[in-house]
Amino acid sequence: MIMRMVFIINTYDALRAIFIAKITFLLICRKIQSVIK
């Protein structure tokens, strides 16, 4: 039971990290595009 909880928490942290990375990547792309324009 405890192991399952730890696994769920780790999966949640991984998904959140990927989500934050995607948002950061999109923001950087927008900044680069605005600079090029």
C-alpha atoms as a PDB file:
ATOM      1  CA  MET A   1       0.000   0.000   0.000  1.00  0.00           C
ATOM      2  CA  ILE A   2       2.735   2.468   0.973  1.00  0.00           C
ATOM      3  CA  MET A   3       4.771   1.503  -2.095  1.00  0.00           C
ATOM      4  CA  ARG A   4       1.768   2.204  -4.303  1.00  0.00           C
ATOM      5  CA  MET A   5       1.369   5.644  -2.736  1.00  0.00           C
ATOM      6  CA  VAL A   6       5.050   6.428  -3.317  1.00  0.00           C
ATOM      7  CA  PHE A   7       4.743   5.267  -6.931  1.00  0.00           C
ATOM      8  CA  ILE A   8       1.704   7.492  -7.513  1.00  0.00           C
ATOM      9  CA  ILE A   9       3.475  10.489  -5.944  1.00  0.00           C
ATOM     10  CA  ASN A  10       6.597   9.910  -8.058  1.00  0.00           C
ATOM     11  CA  THR A  11       4.488   9.603 -11.218  1.00  0.00           C
ATOM     12  CA  TYR A  12       2.666  12.837 -10.344  1.00  0.00           C
ATOM     13  CA  ASP A  13       5.968  14.670  -9.794  1.00  0.00           C
ATOM     14  CA  ALA A  14       7.299  13.378 -13.122  1.00  0.00           C
ATOM     15  CA  LEU A  15       4.174  14.481 -14.994  1.00  0.00           C
ATOM     16  CA  ARG A  16       4.292  17.889 -13.309  1.00  0.00           C
ATOM     17  CA  ALA A  17       7.960  18.300 -14.243  1.00  0.00           C
ATOM     18  CA  ILE A  18       7.203  17.425 -17.879  1.00  0.00           C
ATOM     19  CA  PHE A  19       4.263  19.863 -17.858  1.00  0.00           C
ATOM     20  CA  ILE A  20       6.441  22.688 -16.497  1.00  0.00           C
ATOM     21  CA  ALA A  21       9.157  21.888 -19.050  1.00  0.00           C
ATOM     22  CA  LYS A  22       6.641  22.073 -21.908  1.00  0.00           C
ATOM     23  CA  ILE A  23       5.299  25.439 -20.734  1.00  0.00           C
ATOM     24  CA  THR A  24       8.831  26.810 -20.341  1.00  0.00           C
ATOM     25  CA  PHE A  25       9.739  25.552 -23.825  1.00  0.00           C
ATOM     26  CA  LEU A  26       6.659  27.196 -25.358  1.00  0.00           C
ATOM     27  CA  LEU A  27       7.389  30.490 -23.592  1.00  0.00           C
ATOM     28  CA  ILE A  28      10.993  30.462 -24.823  1.00  0.00           C
ATOM     29  CA  CYS A  29       9.812  29.727 -28.381  1.00  0.00           C
ATOM     30  CA  ARG A  30       7.418  32.675 -28.246  1.00  0.00           C
ATOM     31  CA  LYS A  31      10.159  34.976 -26.968  1.00  0.00           C
ATOM     32  CA  ILE A  32      12.518  33.849 -29.747  1.00  0.00           C
ATOM     33  CA  GLN A  33       9.821  34.365 -32.393  1.00  0.00           C
ATOM     34  CA  SER A  34       9.058  37.866 -31.083  1.00  0.00           C
ATOM     35  CA  VAL A  35      12.785  38.709 -31.162  1.00  0.00           C
ATOM     36  CA  ILE A  36      13.128  37.432 -34.744  1.00  0.00           C
ATOM     37  CA  LYS A  37      10.131  39.518 -35.827  1.00  0.00           C
END
